[in-house]
Amino acid sequence: MFRFHLELPDIILLIINKIKIMITPKEQELINFVHKLNNPWFLALFVAIAVWTIIWKGVALWKAVKNNSMPWYVVLLLVNTLGILEIIYIFFFSKKKAQQ
């Protein structure tokens, strides 16, 4: 018996080809993106960015609470900038509050 392994995007493509549905360019772009998600390097990059962001966000939120700065806390909680806004707050704005 012949066994083979199909990934989820391959199964989706097989189903679409069997049904003979016309694929729009946007749908093809989505299918190509799903294929890229199967790349282990992409997954490693995604995890690294998530860990980076969580660490900086945690430190910035902790400093905002410690400095009793509710506006900064809300902004830091709701806005996701991959750690950039958090780093700016930690190194520039939180020190001003601590020194006062």
C-alpha atoms as a PDB file:
ATOM      1  CA  MET A   1       0.000   0.000   0.000  1.00  0.00           C
ATOM      2  CA  PHE A   2       1.284   3.459  -0.889  1.00  0.00           C
ATOM      3  CA  ARG A   3       1.221   6.009   1.935  1.00  0.00           C
ATOM      4  CA  PHE A   4       1.857   9.692   1.584  1.00  0.00           C
ATOM      5  CA  HIS A   5       1.681  12.697   3.840  1.00  0.00           C
ATOM      6  CA  LEU A   6      -0.350  15.760   2.895  1.00  0.00           C
ATOM      7  CA  GLU A   7      -0.128  19.096   4.647  1.00  0.00           C
ATOM      8  CA  LEU A   8      -3.313  21.061   5.276  1.00  0.00           C
ATOM      9  CA  PRO A   9      -2.625  23.592   2.470  1.00  0.00           C
ATOM     10  CA  ASP A  10      -2.086  20.709   0.040  1.00  0.00           C
ATOM     11  CA  ILE A  11      -5.414  19.181   1.046  1.00  0.00           C
ATOM     12  CA  ILE A  12      -7.146  22.531   0.528  1.00  0.00           C
ATOM     13  CA  LEU A  13      -5.595  22.820  -2.938  1.00  0.00           C
ATOM     14  CA  LEU A  14      -6.689  19.281  -3.818  1.00  0.00           C
ATOM     15  CA  ILE A  15     -10.253  20.013  -2.738  1.00  0.00           C
ATOM     16  CA  ILE A  16     -10.319  23.270  -4.716  1.00  0.00           C
ATOM     17  CA  ASN A  17      -8.958  21.519  -7.805  1.00  0.00           C
ATOM     18  CA  LYS A  18     -11.519  18.729  -7.521  1.00  0.00           C
ATOM     19  CA  ILE A  19     -14.427  21.120  -7.183  1.00  0.00           C
ATOM     20  CA  LYS A  20     -13.080  23.239 -10.062  1.00  0.00           C
ATOM     21  CA  ILE A  21     -13.555  26.517  -8.284  1.00  0.00           C
ATOM     22  CA  MET A  22     -11.869  29.522  -9.824  1.00  0.00           C
ATOM     23  CA  ILE A  23      -9.255  30.936  -7.475  1.00  0.00           C
ATOM     24  CA  THR A  24      -8.993  34.705  -7.311  1.00  0.00           C
ATOM     25  CA  PRO A  25      -5.570  36.325  -6.938  1.00  0.00           C
ATOM     26  CA  LYS A  26      -6.390  37.240  -3.308  1.00  0.00           C
ATOM     27  CA  GLU A  27      -7.257  33.619  -2.533  1.00  0.00           C
ATOM     28  CA  GLN A  28      -4.047  32.441  -4.197  1.00  0.00           C
ATOM     29  CA  GLU A  29      -2.131  34.958  -2.082  1.00  0.00           C
ATOM     30  CA  LEU A  30      -3.761  33.515   1.043  1.00  0.00           C
ATOM     31  CA  ILE A  31      -2.892  29.966  -0.025  1.00  0.00           C
ATOM     32  CA  ASN A  32       0.741  31.010  -0.591  1.00  0.00           C
ATOM     33  CA  PHE A  33       0.811  32.612   2.867  1.00  0.00           C
ATOM     34  CA  VAL A  34      -0.509  29.407   4.464  1.00  0.00           C
ATOM     35  CA  HIS A  35       2.281  27.489   2.715  1.00  0.00           C
ATOM     36  CA  LYS A  36       4.835  29.877   4.252  1.00  0.00           C
ATOM     37  CA  LEU A  37       3.412  29.167   7.714  1.00  0.00           C
ATOM     38  CA  ASN A  38       4.624  25.571   7.433  1.00  0.00           C
ATOM     39  CA  ASN A  39       8.236  26.803   7.382  1.00  0.00           C
ATOM     40  CA  PRO A  40       9.947  26.095  10.740  1.00  0.00           C
ATOM     41  CA  TRP A  41      12.032  29.292  10.412  1.00  0.00           C
ATOM     42  CA  PHE A  42       8.848  31.328  10.240  1.00  0.00           C
ATOM     43  CA  LEU A  43       7.563  29.668  13.392  1.00  0.00           C
ATOM     44  CA  ALA A  44      10.870  30.310  15.191  1.00  0.00           C
ATOM     45  CA  LEU A  45      10.810  33.973  14.141  1.00  0.00           C
ATOM     46  CA  PHE A  46       7.199  34.316  15.290  1.00  0.00           C
ATOM     47  CA  VAL A  47       7.990  32.817  18.707  1.00  0.00           C
ATOM     48  CA  ALA A  48      11.094  35.016  19.103  1.00  0.00           C
ATOM     49  CA  ILE A  49       9.115  38.181  18.306  1.00  0.00           C
ATOM     50  CA  ALA A  50       6.326  37.138  20.689  1.00  0.00           C
ATOM     51  CA  VAL A  51       8.766  36.510  23.565  1.00  0.00           C
ATOM     52  CA  TRP A  52      10.595  39.799  22.865  1.00  0.00           C
ATOM     53  CA  THR A  53       7.316  41.741  22.919  1.00  0.00           C
ATOM     54  CA  ILE A  54       5.963  40.053  26.051  1.00  0.00           C
ATOM     55  CA  ILE A  55       9.132  40.751  28.042  1.00  0.00           C
ATOM     56  CA  TRP A  56       9.290  44.454  27.135  1.00  0.00           C
ATOM     57  CA  LYS A  57       5.538  44.916  27.590  1.00  0.00           C
ATOM     58  CA  GLY A  58       5.661  43.286  31.024  1.00  0.00           C
ATOM     59  CA  VAL A  59       8.513  45.483  32.250  1.00  0.00           C
ATOM     60  CA  ALA A  60       6.911  48.660  30.860  1.00  0.00           C
ATOM     61  CA  LEU A  61       3.504  47.864  32.380  1.00  0.00           C
ATOM     62  CA  TRP A  62       5.124  47.102  35.723  1.00  0.00           C
ATOM     63  CA  LYS A  63       6.993  50.446  35.688  1.00  0.00           C
ATOM     64  CA  ALA A  64       3.827  52.323  34.667  1.00  0.00           C
ATOM     65  CA  VAL A  65       1.920  50.833  37.599  1.00  0.00           C
ATOM     66  CA  LYS A  66       4.823  51.493  39.963  1.00  0.00           C
ATOM     67  CA  ASN A  67       4.888  55.152  38.851  1.00  0.00           C
ATOM     68  CA  ASN A  68       1.082  55.381  39.155  1.00  0.00           C
ATOM     69  CA  SER A  69       0.786  56.452  35.499  1.00  0.00           C
ATOM     70  CA  MET A  70      -2.641  55.287  34.333  1.00  0.00           C
ATOM     71  CA  PRO A  71      -2.533  56.928  30.844  1.00  0.00           C
ATOM     72  CA  TRP A  72       0.780  55.230  30.032  1.00  0.00           C
ATOM     73  CA  TYR A  73      -0.531  51.938  31.407  1.00  0.00           C
ATOM     74  CA  VAL A  74      -3.586  52.022  29.131  1.00  0.00           C
ATOM     75  CA  VAL A  75      -1.557  53.012  26.053  1.00  0.00           C
ATOM     76  CA  LEU A  76       1.092  50.349  26.701  1.00  0.00           C
ATOM     77  CA  LEU A  77      -1.579  47.725  27.274  1.00  0.00           C
ATOM     78  CA  LEU A  78      -3.559  48.466  24.099  1.00  0.00           C
ATOM     79  CA  VAL A  79      -0.886  49.460  21.562  1.00  0.00           C
ATOM     80  CA  ASN A  80       1.397  46.752  20.209  1.00  0.00           C
ATOM     81  CA  THR A  81       4.581  48.130  18.620  1.00  0.00           C
ATOM     82  CA  LEU A  82       6.855  45.068  18.961  1.00  0.00           C
ATOM     83  CA  GLY A  83       8.453  46.552  22.057  1.00  0.00           C
ATOM     84  CA  ILE A  84       9.407  49.938  20.593  1.00  0.00           C
ATOM     85  CA  LEU A  85       6.934  52.055  22.588  1.00  0.00           C
ATOM     86  CA  GLU A  86       7.700  50.011  25.699  1.00  0.00           C
ATOM     87  CA  ILE A  87      11.454  50.608  25.353  1.00  0.00           C
ATOM     88  CA  ILE A  88      10.871  54.353  24.866  1.00  0.00           C
ATOM     89  CA  TYR A  89       8.720  54.467  27.987  1.00  0.00           C
ATOM     90  CA  ILE A  90      11.179  52.461  30.104  1.00  0.00           C
ATOM     91  CA  PHE A  91      14.287  54.450  29.189  1.00  0.00           C
ATOM     92  CA  PHE A  92      12.862  57.972  28.839  1.00  0.00           C
ATOM     93  CA  PHE A  93       9.514  58.541  30.536  1.00  0.00           C
ATOM     94  CA  SER A  94       9.554  56.183  33.528  1.00  0.00           C
ATOM     95  CA  LYS A  95      12.833  57.645  34.829  1.00  0.00           C
ATOM     96  CA  LYS A  96      11.333  61.141  34.955  1.00  0.00           C
ATOM     97  CA  LYS A  97       8.574  59.902  37.232  1.00  0.00           C
ATOM     98  CA  ALA A  98      11.005  57.994  39.442  1.00  0.00           C
ATOM     99  CA  GLN A  99      13.258  61.037  39.912  1.00  0.00           C
ATOM    100  CA  GLN A 100      10.423  63.409  40.901  1.00  0.00           C
END
